[in-house]
N, C-alpha and C. Protein backbone atom coordinates (compact mmCIF):
# COMPACT_ATOMS: atom_id res chain seq x y z
N MET A 1 -12.04 47.64 -21.48
CA MET A 1 -11.60 47.49 -20.09
C MET A 1 -12.12 46.15 -19.50
N LYS A 2 -13.40 45.81 -19.82
CA LYS A 2 -13.99 44.58 -19.35
C LYS A 2 -13.22 43.36 -19.85
N LYS A 3 -12.82 43.44 -21.14
CA LYS A 3 -12.08 42.33 -21.74
C LYS A 3 -10.71 42.18 -21.04
N LEU A 4 -10.08 43.31 -20.72
CA LEU A 4 -8.78 43.27 -20.06
C LEU A 4 -8.90 42.60 -18.70
N LEU A 5 -9.94 43.03 -17.96
CA LEU A 5 -10.18 42.41 -16.66
C LEU A 5 -10.44 40.86 -16.75
N LEU A 6 -11.18 40.53 -17.81
CA LEU A 6 -11.48 39.11 -18.04
C LEU A 6 -10.21 38.31 -18.27
N PHE A 7 -9.33 38.89 -19.15
CA PHE A 7 -8.08 38.18 -19.43
C PHE A 7 -7.21 38.07 -18.18
N ILE A 8 -7.19 39.11 -17.35
CA ILE A 8 -6.43 39.09 -16.11
C ILE A 8 -6.94 38.04 -15.17
N CYS A 9 -8.29 37.93 -15.06
CA CYS A 9 -8.89 36.91 -14.18
C CYS A 9 -8.59 35.52 -14.67
N LEU A 10 -8.68 35.33 -15.98
CA LEU A 10 -8.38 34.01 -16.57
C LEU A 10 -6.94 33.63 -16.31
N GLY A 11 -6.06 34.63 -16.46
CA GLY A 11 -4.63 34.39 -16.23
C GLY A 11 -4.36 33.95 -14.78
N ILE A 12 -5.02 34.62 -13.82
CA ILE A 12 -4.87 34.28 -12.44
C ILE A 12 -5.35 32.87 -12.17
N ILE A 13 -6.53 32.52 -12.72
CA ILE A 13 -7.08 31.17 -12.53
C ILE A 13 -6.13 30.10 -13.07
N LEU A 14 -5.62 30.33 -14.32
CA LEU A 14 -4.69 29.37 -14.91
C LEU A 14 -3.42 29.23 -14.10
N PHE A 15 -2.89 30.38 -13.60
CA PHE A 15 -1.69 30.36 -12.78
C PHE A 15 -1.88 29.54 -11.57
N GLN A 16 -3.04 29.77 -10.90
CA GLN A 16 -3.30 29.01 -9.62
C GLN A 16 -3.46 27.51 -9.87
N ALA A 17 -4.13 27.23 -11.06
CA ALA A 17 -4.34 25.79 -11.40
C ALA A 17 -2.96 25.12 -11.67
N CYS A 18 -2.08 25.79 -12.40
CA CYS A 18 -0.76 25.23 -12.72
C CYS A 18 0.04 25.10 -11.43
N LYS A 19 -0.06 26.08 -10.57
CA LYS A 19 0.67 26.05 -9.32
C LYS A 19 0.20 24.89 -8.47
N LYS A 20 -1.12 24.66 -8.44
CA LYS A 20 -1.67 23.56 -7.67
C LYS A 20 -1.16 22.22 -8.23
N ASP A 21 -1.13 22.10 -9.56
CA ASP A 21 -0.66 20.84 -10.16
C ASP A 21 0.79 20.61 -9.76
N GLU A 22 1.64 21.66 -9.75
CA GLU A 22 3.05 21.55 -9.39
C GLU A 22 3.15 21.08 -7.95
N GLU A 23 2.32 21.67 -7.07
CA GLU A 23 2.37 21.32 -5.66
C GLU A 23 1.95 19.90 -5.47
N ASP A 24 0.87 19.43 -6.17
CA ASP A 24 0.40 18.07 -6.07
C ASP A 24 1.51 17.08 -6.49
N THR A 25 2.15 17.39 -7.60
CA THR A 25 3.16 16.50 -8.15
C THR A 25 4.38 16.44 -7.21
N SER A 26 4.73 17.51 -6.59
CA SER A 26 5.94 17.54 -5.74
C SER A 26 5.74 17.07 -4.36
N THR A 27 4.53 17.23 -3.82
CA THR A 27 4.33 16.91 -2.40
C THR A 27 3.41 15.75 -2.15
N ASN A 28 2.53 15.37 -3.08
CA ASN A 28 1.49 14.38 -2.80
C ASN A 28 1.65 13.12 -3.66
N TYR A 29 2.67 13.11 -4.50
CA TYR A 29 2.83 11.97 -5.39
C TYR A 29 4.29 11.53 -5.43
N PHE A 30 4.48 10.27 -5.81
CA PHE A 30 5.81 9.71 -6.07
C PHE A 30 5.77 8.97 -7.37
N ILE A 31 6.75 9.15 -8.23
CA ILE A 31 6.83 8.42 -9.49
C ILE A 31 7.96 7.40 -9.42
N ASP A 32 7.59 6.15 -9.58
CA ASP A 32 8.54 5.06 -9.57
C ASP A 32 9.22 4.99 -10.96
N THR A 33 10.50 5.34 -10.99
CA THR A 33 11.21 5.48 -12.25
C THR A 33 11.47 4.17 -12.94
N ARG A 34 11.22 3.07 -12.27
CA ARG A 34 11.41 1.72 -12.85
C ARG A 34 10.36 1.48 -13.92
N ASP A 35 9.13 1.96 -13.72
CA ASP A 35 8.06 1.72 -14.67
C ASP A 35 7.19 2.93 -14.90
N ASN A 36 7.63 4.11 -14.31
CA ASN A 36 6.91 5.39 -14.44
C ASN A 36 5.51 5.34 -13.84
N MET A 37 5.28 4.43 -12.90
CA MET A 37 4.00 4.38 -12.20
C MET A 37 3.93 5.51 -11.17
N LYS A 38 2.80 6.20 -11.11
CA LYS A 38 2.63 7.30 -10.24
C LYS A 38 1.79 6.89 -9.05
N TYR A 39 2.25 7.18 -7.84
CA TYR A 39 1.53 6.82 -6.61
C TYR A 39 1.24 8.03 -5.75
N LYS A 40 0.02 8.08 -5.23
CA LYS A 40 -0.26 9.04 -4.19
C LYS A 40 0.51 8.66 -2.91
N ILE A 41 0.98 9.67 -2.19
CA ILE A 41 1.63 9.41 -0.91
C ILE A 41 0.98 10.27 0.15
N VAL A 42 1.16 9.88 1.45
CA VAL A 42 0.54 10.64 2.50
C VAL A 42 1.47 10.65 3.72
N ASP A 43 1.57 11.76 4.40
CA ASP A 43 2.27 11.91 5.67
C ASP A 43 1.28 11.61 6.82
N ILE A 44 1.64 10.65 7.66
CA ILE A 44 0.86 10.35 8.85
C ILE A 44 1.80 10.38 10.02
N GLY A 45 1.68 11.40 10.89
CA GLY A 45 2.65 11.57 11.94
C GLY A 45 4.02 11.86 11.36
N ASN A 46 5.02 11.13 11.78
CA ASN A 46 6.39 11.29 11.29
C ASN A 46 6.77 10.40 10.14
N GLN A 47 5.74 9.66 9.63
CA GLN A 47 5.96 8.71 8.57
C GLN A 47 5.40 9.16 7.23
N THR A 48 5.95 8.72 6.16
CA THR A 48 5.39 8.96 4.82
C THR A 48 5.14 7.59 4.16
N TRP A 49 3.86 7.36 3.80
CA TRP A 49 3.44 6.09 3.25
C TRP A 49 2.96 6.30 1.82
N MET A 50 3.05 5.25 1.03
CA MET A 50 2.32 5.23 -0.26
C MET A 50 0.82 5.13 0.14
N ALA A 51 0.00 5.89 -0.59
CA ALA A 51 -1.42 5.88 -0.34
C ALA A 51 -2.17 5.04 -1.38
N GLU A 52 -1.40 4.20 -2.06
CA GLU A 52 -1.96 3.26 -3.05
C GLU A 52 -1.14 1.95 -2.92
N ASN A 53 -1.74 0.80 -3.29
CA ASN A 53 -1.04 -0.44 -3.29
C ASN A 53 0.02 -0.50 -4.40
N LEU A 54 1.14 -1.14 -4.10
CA LEU A 54 2.23 -1.22 -5.07
C LEU A 54 1.80 -2.10 -6.25
N LYS A 55 2.25 -1.66 -7.43
CA LYS A 55 1.88 -2.33 -8.68
C LYS A 55 3.12 -2.79 -9.46
N TYR A 56 4.29 -2.74 -8.87
CA TYR A 56 5.47 -3.07 -9.61
C TYR A 56 5.57 -4.55 -9.90
N THR A 57 5.81 -4.91 -11.16
CA THR A 57 5.85 -6.31 -11.61
C THR A 57 7.24 -6.72 -12.01
N GLY A 58 8.21 -5.84 -11.98
CA GLY A 58 9.55 -6.19 -12.47
C GLY A 58 9.62 -6.37 -13.95
N GLY A 59 8.68 -5.73 -14.65
CA GLY A 59 8.68 -5.79 -16.09
C GLY A 59 7.81 -6.91 -16.66
N GLY A 60 7.29 -7.78 -15.81
CA GLY A 60 6.41 -8.86 -16.24
C GLY A 60 4.92 -8.48 -16.01
N ILE A 61 4.09 -9.44 -16.32
CA ILE A 61 2.65 -9.25 -16.11
C ILE A 61 2.26 -10.01 -14.83
N ALA A 62 1.51 -9.35 -13.97
CA ALA A 62 1.15 -9.91 -12.69
C ALA A 62 0.01 -10.92 -12.85
N LEU A 63 0.34 -12.09 -13.35
CA LEU A 63 -0.66 -13.16 -13.52
C LEU A 63 -0.15 -14.45 -12.96
N GLY A 64 -1.04 -15.28 -12.48
CA GLY A 64 -0.78 -16.63 -12.07
C GLY A 64 0.60 -16.96 -11.62
N ASN A 65 1.35 -17.72 -12.46
CA ASN A 65 2.64 -18.21 -12.11
C ASN A 65 3.76 -17.43 -12.77
N ALA A 66 3.53 -16.16 -13.04
CA ALA A 66 4.57 -15.34 -13.68
C ALA A 66 5.80 -15.26 -12.78
N TYR A 67 6.99 -15.31 -13.41
CA TYR A 67 8.22 -15.15 -12.66
C TYR A 67 8.42 -13.66 -12.31
N ASP A 68 8.82 -13.39 -11.12
CA ASP A 68 9.03 -11.98 -10.70
C ASP A 68 10.49 -11.67 -10.90
N THR A 69 10.78 -10.83 -11.89
CA THR A 69 12.19 -10.51 -12.22
C THR A 69 12.75 -9.52 -11.19
N VAL A 70 11.97 -9.09 -10.23
CA VAL A 70 12.52 -8.25 -9.15
C VAL A 70 13.59 -8.99 -8.40
N SER A 71 13.47 -10.32 -8.32
CA SER A 71 14.29 -11.13 -7.42
C SER A 71 15.77 -11.12 -7.76
N ASN A 72 16.07 -11.12 -9.07
CA ASN A 72 17.43 -11.28 -9.58
C ASN A 72 18.12 -12.56 -9.06
N VAL A 73 17.31 -13.56 -8.79
CA VAL A 73 17.85 -14.88 -8.43
C VAL A 73 17.13 -15.94 -9.28
N THR A 74 17.60 -17.13 -9.22
CA THR A 74 17.04 -18.19 -10.08
C THR A 74 15.68 -18.70 -9.53
N THR A 75 15.48 -18.62 -8.22
CA THR A 75 14.22 -19.10 -7.64
C THR A 75 13.10 -18.15 -8.03
N PRO A 76 11.99 -18.65 -8.53
CA PRO A 76 10.86 -17.72 -8.91
C PRO A 76 10.21 -17.12 -7.68
N LEU A 77 10.06 -15.81 -7.64
CA LEU A 77 9.34 -15.11 -6.60
C LEU A 77 8.02 -14.63 -7.24
N LEU A 78 6.90 -15.06 -6.64
CA LEU A 78 5.63 -14.93 -7.34
C LEU A 78 4.85 -13.71 -6.92
N LEU A 79 4.09 -13.14 -7.86
CA LEU A 79 3.14 -12.10 -7.58
C LEU A 79 1.93 -12.35 -8.47
N PHE A 80 0.81 -11.83 -8.06
CA PHE A 80 -0.48 -12.23 -8.66
C PHE A 80 -1.40 -11.02 -8.78
N ALA A 81 -2.34 -11.14 -9.75
CA ALA A 81 -3.50 -10.29 -9.78
C ALA A 81 -4.68 -11.17 -9.36
N TYR A 82 -5.61 -10.57 -8.62
CA TYR A 82 -6.72 -11.33 -8.10
C TYR A 82 -7.45 -12.12 -9.20
N GLU A 83 -7.44 -13.47 -9.08
CA GLU A 83 -8.03 -14.33 -10.10
C GLU A 83 -7.52 -14.03 -11.51
N ASP A 84 -6.27 -13.57 -11.61
CA ASP A 84 -5.60 -13.28 -12.90
C ASP A 84 -6.35 -12.22 -13.71
N ASP A 85 -6.99 -11.28 -13.00
CA ASP A 85 -7.78 -10.21 -13.66
C ASP A 85 -6.97 -8.95 -13.74
N ILE A 86 -6.55 -8.57 -14.98
CA ILE A 86 -5.72 -7.40 -15.18
C ILE A 86 -6.46 -6.11 -14.73
N ALA A 87 -7.78 -6.07 -14.95
CA ALA A 87 -8.56 -4.93 -14.51
C ALA A 87 -8.43 -4.73 -13.00
N TYR A 88 -8.37 -5.85 -12.27
CA TYR A 88 -8.14 -5.79 -10.81
C TYR A 88 -6.77 -5.21 -10.52
N PHE A 89 -5.77 -5.71 -11.21
CA PHE A 89 -4.40 -5.26 -10.98
C PHE A 89 -4.25 -3.76 -11.13
N LYS A 90 -4.93 -3.18 -12.15
CA LYS A 90 -4.81 -1.76 -12.41
C LYS A 90 -5.35 -0.91 -11.27
N THR A 91 -6.35 -1.46 -10.57
CA THR A 91 -6.93 -0.72 -9.45
C THR A 91 -6.29 -1.05 -8.11
N TYR A 92 -6.09 -2.35 -7.90
CA TYR A 92 -5.68 -2.84 -6.57
C TYR A 92 -4.24 -3.22 -6.40
N GLY A 93 -3.47 -3.25 -7.49
CA GLY A 93 -2.09 -3.58 -7.43
C GLY A 93 -1.85 -5.10 -7.36
N CYS A 94 -0.61 -5.48 -7.11
CA CYS A 94 -0.22 -6.90 -7.05
C CYS A 94 -0.50 -7.45 -5.70
N LEU A 95 -0.66 -8.80 -5.70
CA LEU A 95 -0.63 -9.58 -4.46
C LEU A 95 0.72 -10.30 -4.46
N TYR A 96 1.62 -9.89 -3.54
CA TYR A 96 2.97 -10.36 -3.53
C TYR A 96 3.15 -11.48 -2.50
N THR A 97 3.98 -12.47 -2.86
CA THR A 97 4.51 -13.36 -1.83
C THR A 97 5.50 -12.54 -0.97
N TRP A 98 5.81 -13.05 0.22
CA TRP A 98 6.70 -12.28 1.11
C TRP A 98 8.08 -12.09 0.51
N PRO A 99 8.68 -13.14 -0.09
CA PRO A 99 9.99 -12.92 -0.71
C PRO A 99 9.98 -11.86 -1.81
N ALA A 100 8.90 -11.85 -2.63
CA ALA A 100 8.76 -10.82 -3.68
C ALA A 100 8.61 -9.45 -3.05
N ALA A 101 7.80 -9.39 -1.99
CA ALA A 101 7.53 -8.09 -1.31
C ALA A 101 8.80 -7.52 -0.75
N GLN A 102 9.69 -8.39 -0.30
CA GLN A 102 10.98 -7.90 0.31
C GLN A 102 11.81 -7.10 -0.69
N LYS A 103 11.63 -7.38 -1.97
CA LYS A 103 12.47 -6.76 -3.01
C LYS A 103 11.70 -5.82 -3.90
N ALA A 104 10.43 -5.57 -3.64
CA ALA A 104 9.57 -4.88 -4.62
C ALA A 104 9.56 -3.39 -4.47
N CYS A 105 9.83 -2.82 -3.32
CA CYS A 105 9.74 -1.36 -3.13
C CYS A 105 10.86 -0.65 -3.86
N PRO A 106 10.59 0.56 -4.38
CA PRO A 106 11.58 1.32 -5.16
C PRO A 106 12.67 1.92 -4.25
N ASP A 107 13.71 2.45 -4.88
CA ASP A 107 14.78 3.12 -4.12
C ASP A 107 14.17 4.28 -3.31
N GLY A 108 14.64 4.39 -2.09
CA GLY A 108 14.15 5.44 -1.20
C GLY A 108 12.95 5.00 -0.38
N TRP A 109 12.46 3.79 -0.65
CA TRP A 109 11.28 3.28 0.04
C TRP A 109 11.60 1.82 0.48
N ARG A 110 10.83 1.30 1.43
CA ARG A 110 11.08 -0.06 1.88
C ARG A 110 9.77 -0.67 2.39
N LEU A 111 9.80 -2.00 2.54
CA LEU A 111 8.65 -2.68 3.14
C LEU A 111 8.65 -2.32 4.63
N PRO A 112 7.52 -1.90 5.17
CA PRO A 112 7.49 -1.49 6.57
C PRO A 112 7.65 -2.68 7.54
N THR A 113 8.26 -2.39 8.68
CA THR A 113 8.41 -3.43 9.70
C THR A 113 7.13 -3.50 10.55
N ASP A 114 7.08 -4.50 11.42
CA ASP A 114 6.00 -4.59 12.38
C ASP A 114 5.95 -3.35 13.26
N ASN A 115 7.16 -2.86 13.65
CA ASN A 115 7.21 -1.65 14.46
C ASN A 115 6.76 -0.38 13.72
N ASP A 116 7.01 -0.33 12.41
CA ASP A 116 6.51 0.82 11.61
C ASP A 116 4.99 0.84 11.71
N TRP A 117 4.35 -0.32 11.59
CA TRP A 117 2.93 -0.36 11.68
C TRP A 117 2.44 0.00 13.05
N LYS A 118 3.17 -0.41 14.13
CA LYS A 118 2.78 -0.01 15.46
C LYS A 118 2.86 1.52 15.64
N GLU A 119 3.90 2.13 15.07
CA GLU A 119 3.99 3.59 15.12
C GLU A 119 2.81 4.23 14.43
N LEU A 120 2.43 3.71 13.27
CA LEU A 120 1.28 4.23 12.55
C LEU A 120 0.03 4.09 13.37
N GLU A 121 -0.17 2.94 13.95
CA GLU A 121 -1.37 2.69 14.77
C GLU A 121 -1.46 3.62 15.99
N LYS A 122 -0.27 3.81 16.60
CA LYS A 122 -0.21 4.71 17.76
C LYS A 122 -0.56 6.16 17.36
N THR A 123 -0.04 6.57 16.19
CA THR A 123 -0.37 7.92 15.72
C THR A 123 -1.87 8.10 15.51
N LEU A 124 -2.53 6.99 15.11
CA LEU A 124 -3.96 7.08 14.90
C LEU A 124 -4.77 6.89 16.16
N GLY A 125 -4.08 6.69 17.30
CA GLY A 125 -4.79 6.70 18.57
C GLY A 125 -4.89 5.35 19.26
N MET A 126 -4.22 4.30 18.76
CA MET A 126 -4.25 3.01 19.40
C MET A 126 -3.40 3.02 20.66
N THR A 127 -3.87 2.37 21.76
CA THR A 127 -3.12 2.37 22.98
C THR A 127 -2.00 1.31 22.92
N ASP A 128 -1.00 1.49 23.77
CA ASP A 128 0.11 0.51 23.84
C ASP A 128 -0.36 -0.91 24.14
N ALA A 129 -1.35 -1.00 25.04
CA ALA A 129 -1.88 -2.29 25.43
C ALA A 129 -2.51 -3.01 24.22
N GLU A 130 -3.18 -2.27 23.40
CA GLU A 130 -3.83 -2.83 22.20
C GLU A 130 -2.80 -3.16 21.12
N ILE A 131 -1.81 -2.26 20.95
CA ILE A 131 -0.81 -2.41 19.87
C ILE A 131 -0.09 -3.72 19.97
N ASN A 132 0.21 -4.18 21.19
CA ASN A 132 1.09 -5.35 21.37
C ASN A 132 0.31 -6.68 21.36
N LYS A 133 -1.04 -6.61 21.17
CA LYS A 133 -1.79 -7.85 21.02
C LYS A 133 -1.45 -8.53 19.72
N ASN A 134 -1.51 -9.84 19.72
CA ASN A 134 -1.21 -10.59 18.50
C ASN A 134 -2.33 -11.58 18.23
N LEU A 135 -2.53 -11.89 16.96
CA LEU A 135 -3.59 -12.77 16.52
C LEU A 135 -4.93 -12.31 17.03
N ALA A 136 -5.15 -10.98 16.90
CA ALA A 136 -6.37 -10.40 17.42
C ALA A 136 -6.72 -9.12 16.69
N TRP A 137 -7.98 -8.75 16.73
CA TRP A 137 -8.41 -7.43 16.30
C TRP A 137 -8.12 -6.44 17.38
N ARG A 138 -7.49 -5.33 17.00
CA ARG A 138 -6.97 -4.41 18.01
C ARG A 138 -7.51 -2.97 17.73
N GLY A 139 -7.52 -2.19 18.79
CA GLY A 139 -7.89 -0.77 18.65
C GLY A 139 -9.39 -0.54 18.62
N THR A 140 -9.71 0.67 18.25
CA THR A 140 -11.11 1.11 18.20
C THR A 140 -11.54 1.37 16.73
N ASN A 141 -11.18 2.57 16.24
CA ASN A 141 -11.57 2.95 14.89
C ASN A 141 -10.33 3.14 13.99
N GLN A 142 -9.19 2.61 14.40
CA GLN A 142 -7.98 2.84 13.60
C GLN A 142 -8.08 2.17 12.23
N GLY A 143 -8.73 1.02 12.11
CA GLY A 143 -8.94 0.41 10.82
C GLY A 143 -9.81 1.27 9.94
N THR A 144 -10.85 1.83 10.48
CA THR A 144 -11.73 2.70 9.73
C THR A 144 -10.95 3.91 9.20
N GLN A 145 -10.05 4.43 10.01
CA GLN A 145 -9.27 5.60 9.57
C GLN A 145 -8.36 5.25 8.41
N LEU A 146 -7.93 4.02 8.30
CA LEU A 146 -7.00 3.60 7.24
C LEU A 146 -7.71 3.26 5.95
N LYS A 147 -9.03 2.98 5.98
CA LYS A 147 -9.74 2.53 4.79
C LYS A 147 -10.02 3.64 3.82
N GLU A 148 -10.49 3.26 2.62
CA GLU A 148 -10.85 4.21 1.61
C GLU A 148 -11.75 5.27 2.18
N ASN A 149 -11.46 6.52 1.89
CA ASN A 149 -12.21 7.70 2.41
C ASN A 149 -12.08 7.87 3.92
N GLY A 150 -11.15 7.19 4.57
CA GLY A 150 -10.93 7.39 5.96
C GLY A 150 -10.17 8.66 6.22
N THR A 151 -10.09 9.08 7.47
CA THR A 151 -9.50 10.38 7.82
C THR A 151 -8.01 10.39 7.72
N SER A 152 -7.31 9.22 7.68
CA SER A 152 -5.83 9.23 7.66
C SER A 152 -5.28 9.53 6.32
N GLY A 153 -5.98 9.31 5.25
CA GLY A 153 -5.45 9.45 3.88
C GLY A 153 -4.72 8.22 3.38
N PHE A 154 -4.67 7.13 4.18
CA PHE A 154 -4.00 5.93 3.78
C PHE A 154 -4.76 5.22 2.61
N ASN A 155 -6.08 5.32 2.69
CA ASN A 155 -6.93 4.93 1.57
C ASN A 155 -6.81 3.44 1.20
N ALA A 156 -6.94 2.54 2.20
CA ALA A 156 -6.78 1.11 1.97
C ALA A 156 -8.07 0.61 1.26
N LEU A 157 -7.88 -0.14 0.16
CA LEU A 157 -8.94 -0.76 -0.58
C LEU A 157 -9.07 -2.25 -0.17
N MET A 158 -10.28 -2.77 -0.27
CA MET A 158 -10.47 -4.17 0.12
C MET A 158 -10.05 -5.02 -1.10
N SER A 159 -8.73 -5.31 -1.17
CA SER A 159 -8.16 -5.88 -2.35
C SER A 159 -8.06 -7.41 -2.36
N GLY A 160 -8.49 -8.06 -1.24
CA GLY A 160 -8.47 -9.52 -1.22
C GLY A 160 -7.06 -10.11 -1.01
N VAL A 161 -6.99 -11.40 -0.99
CA VAL A 161 -5.73 -12.12 -0.71
C VAL A 161 -5.69 -13.39 -1.59
N ARG A 162 -4.50 -13.97 -1.68
CA ARG A 162 -4.32 -15.27 -2.32
C ARG A 162 -3.57 -16.19 -1.35
N SER A 163 -4.12 -17.35 -1.07
CA SER A 163 -3.45 -18.27 -0.18
C SER A 163 -2.29 -19.00 -0.88
N ASN A 164 -1.36 -19.53 -0.11
CA ASN A 164 -0.24 -20.22 -0.73
C ASN A 164 -0.69 -21.53 -1.37
N PHE A 165 -1.94 -21.91 -1.18
CA PHE A 165 -2.50 -23.09 -1.84
C PHE A 165 -3.15 -22.72 -3.18
N GLY A 166 -3.22 -21.43 -3.49
CA GLY A 166 -3.71 -21.00 -4.79
C GLY A 166 -5.11 -20.43 -4.81
N GLY A 167 -5.86 -20.43 -3.75
CA GLY A 167 -7.20 -19.88 -3.72
C GLY A 167 -7.23 -18.43 -3.41
N TYR A 168 -8.22 -17.71 -3.98
CA TYR A 168 -8.39 -16.28 -3.75
C TYR A 168 -9.59 -16.06 -2.82
N ALA A 169 -9.54 -14.99 -2.03
CA ALA A 169 -10.62 -14.70 -1.11
C ALA A 169 -10.63 -13.23 -0.71
N LEU A 170 -11.81 -12.81 -0.19
CA LEU A 170 -11.97 -11.51 0.46
C LEU A 170 -11.98 -10.31 -0.48
N ASN A 171 -12.17 -10.54 -1.78
CA ASN A 171 -12.27 -9.38 -2.69
C ASN A 171 -13.46 -8.52 -2.26
N GLN A 172 -13.22 -7.21 -2.08
CA GLN A 172 -14.22 -6.26 -1.64
C GLN A 172 -14.59 -6.44 -0.19
N LYS A 173 -14.00 -7.41 0.52
CA LYS A 173 -14.38 -7.69 1.91
C LYS A 173 -13.22 -7.47 2.89
N GLY A 174 -12.02 -7.61 2.39
CA GLY A 174 -10.86 -7.48 3.27
C GLY A 174 -9.56 -7.25 2.50
N THR A 175 -8.54 -6.84 3.26
CA THR A 175 -7.23 -6.65 2.66
C THR A 175 -6.16 -6.92 3.69
N THR A 176 -5.01 -7.35 3.21
CA THR A 176 -3.86 -7.69 4.10
C THR A 176 -2.62 -7.06 3.51
N PHE A 177 -1.75 -6.56 4.46
CA PHE A 177 -0.49 -5.93 4.04
C PHE A 177 0.69 -6.67 4.71
N TRP A 178 1.74 -6.92 3.93
CA TRP A 178 2.93 -7.54 4.51
C TRP A 178 3.67 -6.52 5.39
N THR A 179 4.37 -7.06 6.42
CA THR A 179 5.48 -6.35 7.02
C THR A 179 6.79 -7.10 6.64
N SER A 180 7.90 -6.50 6.93
CA SER A 180 9.19 -7.17 6.65
C SER A 180 9.67 -8.03 7.79
N THR A 181 8.85 -8.11 8.87
CA THR A 181 9.29 -8.78 10.12
C THR A 181 8.88 -10.24 10.15
N GLU A 182 9.85 -11.09 10.23
CA GLU A 182 9.61 -12.56 10.29
C GLU A 182 9.08 -12.93 11.63
N VAL A 183 8.23 -13.99 11.65
CA VAL A 183 7.79 -14.58 12.90
C VAL A 183 8.51 -15.97 13.06
N THR A 184 8.45 -16.76 11.95
CA THR A 184 9.12 -18.06 11.92
C THR A 184 9.82 -18.13 10.54
N PRO A 185 10.61 -19.17 10.29
CA PRO A 185 11.21 -19.29 8.95
C PRO A 185 10.15 -19.35 7.81
N THR A 186 8.93 -19.69 8.13
CA THR A 186 7.91 -19.81 7.06
C THR A 186 6.80 -18.76 7.15
N THR A 187 6.83 -17.92 8.17
CA THR A 187 5.73 -16.92 8.30
C THR A 187 6.29 -15.53 8.63
N ALA A 188 5.48 -14.54 8.40
CA ALA A 188 5.85 -13.12 8.70
C ALA A 188 4.63 -12.36 9.14
N TYR A 189 4.87 -11.29 9.90
CA TYR A 189 3.76 -10.47 10.36
C TYR A 189 3.02 -9.78 9.23
N HIS A 190 1.73 -9.55 9.45
CA HIS A 190 0.94 -8.77 8.49
C HIS A 190 -0.07 -7.93 9.29
N ARG A 191 -0.77 -7.10 8.55
CA ARG A 191 -1.91 -6.33 9.08
C ARG A 191 -3.10 -6.58 8.15
N THR A 192 -4.27 -6.77 8.73
CA THR A 192 -5.49 -7.04 7.97
C THR A 192 -6.58 -6.07 8.37
N LEU A 193 -7.34 -5.65 7.36
CA LEU A 193 -8.52 -4.84 7.56
C LEU A 193 -9.68 -5.53 6.89
N TYR A 194 -10.85 -5.50 7.57
CA TYR A 194 -12.10 -6.00 6.98
C TYR A 194 -13.09 -4.85 6.76
N SER A 195 -13.92 -4.98 5.77
CA SER A 195 -14.87 -3.94 5.51
C SER A 195 -15.88 -3.75 6.64
N ASN A 196 -16.15 -4.81 7.41
CA ASN A 196 -17.12 -4.75 8.51
C ASN A 196 -16.45 -4.71 9.87
N GLU A 197 -15.15 -4.42 9.94
CA GLU A 197 -14.46 -4.31 11.24
C GLU A 197 -13.81 -2.91 11.30
N THR A 198 -13.83 -2.35 12.50
CA THR A 198 -13.28 -1.01 12.70
C THR A 198 -11.84 -1.02 13.18
N GLY A 199 -11.36 -2.16 13.71
CA GLY A 199 -10.00 -2.27 14.20
C GLY A 199 -9.04 -2.79 13.14
N ILE A 200 -7.85 -3.18 13.61
CA ILE A 200 -6.77 -3.68 12.75
C ILE A 200 -6.32 -5.01 13.31
N HIS A 201 -6.30 -6.03 12.44
CA HIS A 201 -5.79 -7.37 12.93
C HIS A 201 -4.30 -7.46 12.71
N ARG A 202 -3.64 -7.94 13.77
CA ARG A 202 -2.20 -8.23 13.69
C ARG A 202 -2.01 -9.74 13.83
N GLY A 203 -1.31 -10.32 12.85
CA GLY A 203 -1.11 -11.76 12.92
C GLY A 203 0.08 -12.09 12.00
N ASP A 204 0.16 -13.38 11.67
CA ASP A 204 1.21 -13.78 10.75
C ASP A 204 0.61 -14.68 9.63
N ALA A 205 1.28 -14.68 8.52
CA ALA A 205 0.80 -15.42 7.35
C ALA A 205 1.98 -16.20 6.74
N PHE A 206 1.65 -17.28 6.01
CA PHE A 206 2.68 -18.01 5.30
C PHE A 206 3.35 -17.13 4.26
N LYS A 207 4.64 -17.23 4.12
CA LYS A 207 5.35 -16.36 3.18
C LYS A 207 4.98 -16.59 1.74
N GLY A 208 4.33 -17.70 1.46
CA GLY A 208 3.88 -18.01 0.13
C GLY A 208 2.52 -17.40 -0.21
N ASP A 209 1.81 -16.83 0.81
CA ASP A 209 0.56 -16.18 0.53
C ASP A 209 0.78 -14.93 -0.29
N GLY A 210 -0.23 -14.56 -1.07
CA GLY A 210 -0.17 -13.33 -1.88
C GLY A 210 -1.01 -12.23 -1.24
N VAL A 211 -0.34 -11.17 -0.77
CA VAL A 211 -1.10 -10.09 -0.19
C VAL A 211 -0.51 -8.75 -0.68
N SER A 212 -1.17 -7.68 -0.31
CA SER A 212 -0.81 -6.34 -0.82
C SER A 212 0.40 -5.77 -0.14
N VAL A 213 1.00 -4.77 -0.78
CA VAL A 213 2.18 -4.07 -0.24
C VAL A 213 1.96 -2.57 -0.23
N ARG A 214 2.24 -1.94 0.86
CA ARG A 214 2.39 -0.51 0.97
C ARG A 214 3.80 -0.20 1.43
N CYS A 215 4.51 0.58 0.65
CA CYS A 215 5.89 0.97 1.02
C CYS A 215 5.92 2.16 1.88
N ILE A 216 6.93 2.26 2.77
CA ILE A 216 7.11 3.40 3.62
C ILE A 216 8.43 4.10 3.19
N LYS A 217 8.46 5.39 3.25
CA LYS A 217 9.61 6.15 2.78
C LYS A 217 10.77 6.03 3.80
N ILE A 218 11.95 5.82 3.29
CA ILE A 218 13.13 5.77 4.16
C ILE A 218 13.52 7.17 4.64
N LYS A 219 13.66 7.33 5.94
CA LYS A 219 14.01 8.63 6.47
C LYS A 219 15.50 8.91 6.22
N PRO A 220 15.81 10.18 5.92
CA PRO A 220 17.25 10.54 5.66
C PRO A 220 18.12 10.24 6.86
């Protein structure tokens, strides 16, 4: 009788474990069929975001001056790994130029607009007066909420950046994310987080800079 009860208990445990795995796969993850990369996702308010930086390389290796085959045009669109370190790429994803970022998100997802970020920030408690500031650190603790182990589940890592002049900076100290919204023909809006700042910086960067990408799910 004891053995029977033991088998029943084990069966229940295994069933619950399998059920949990199915739920995790169907509700908390997305698989990019282009390269079978698996990404955590998170619902924040009415939006669904990738909870990891994009790693899509278009079939190439994310190093130095690699051509980005995502573009499907003759002009090279560049993406990078921090200081050409593949170990970095596996953890932190690619640093994309803005043209590459425009084409990098998978079907059903897109590069978020400046307004998408404003909606996210408002959901996390940022006031309208703060949201519309530019070239400034904004909000209270919204940046902290977005960081690794923050309450939002966005899980932003301090992945650093690459300038359009070729230099790398801010590894473990800061991270920047592209938006799809242009400011000038040569610049576009971004969002930046620093490890020692609690707010979120809104500004613009040269389109040739290499920064991280978080895709947002397209609503039906």
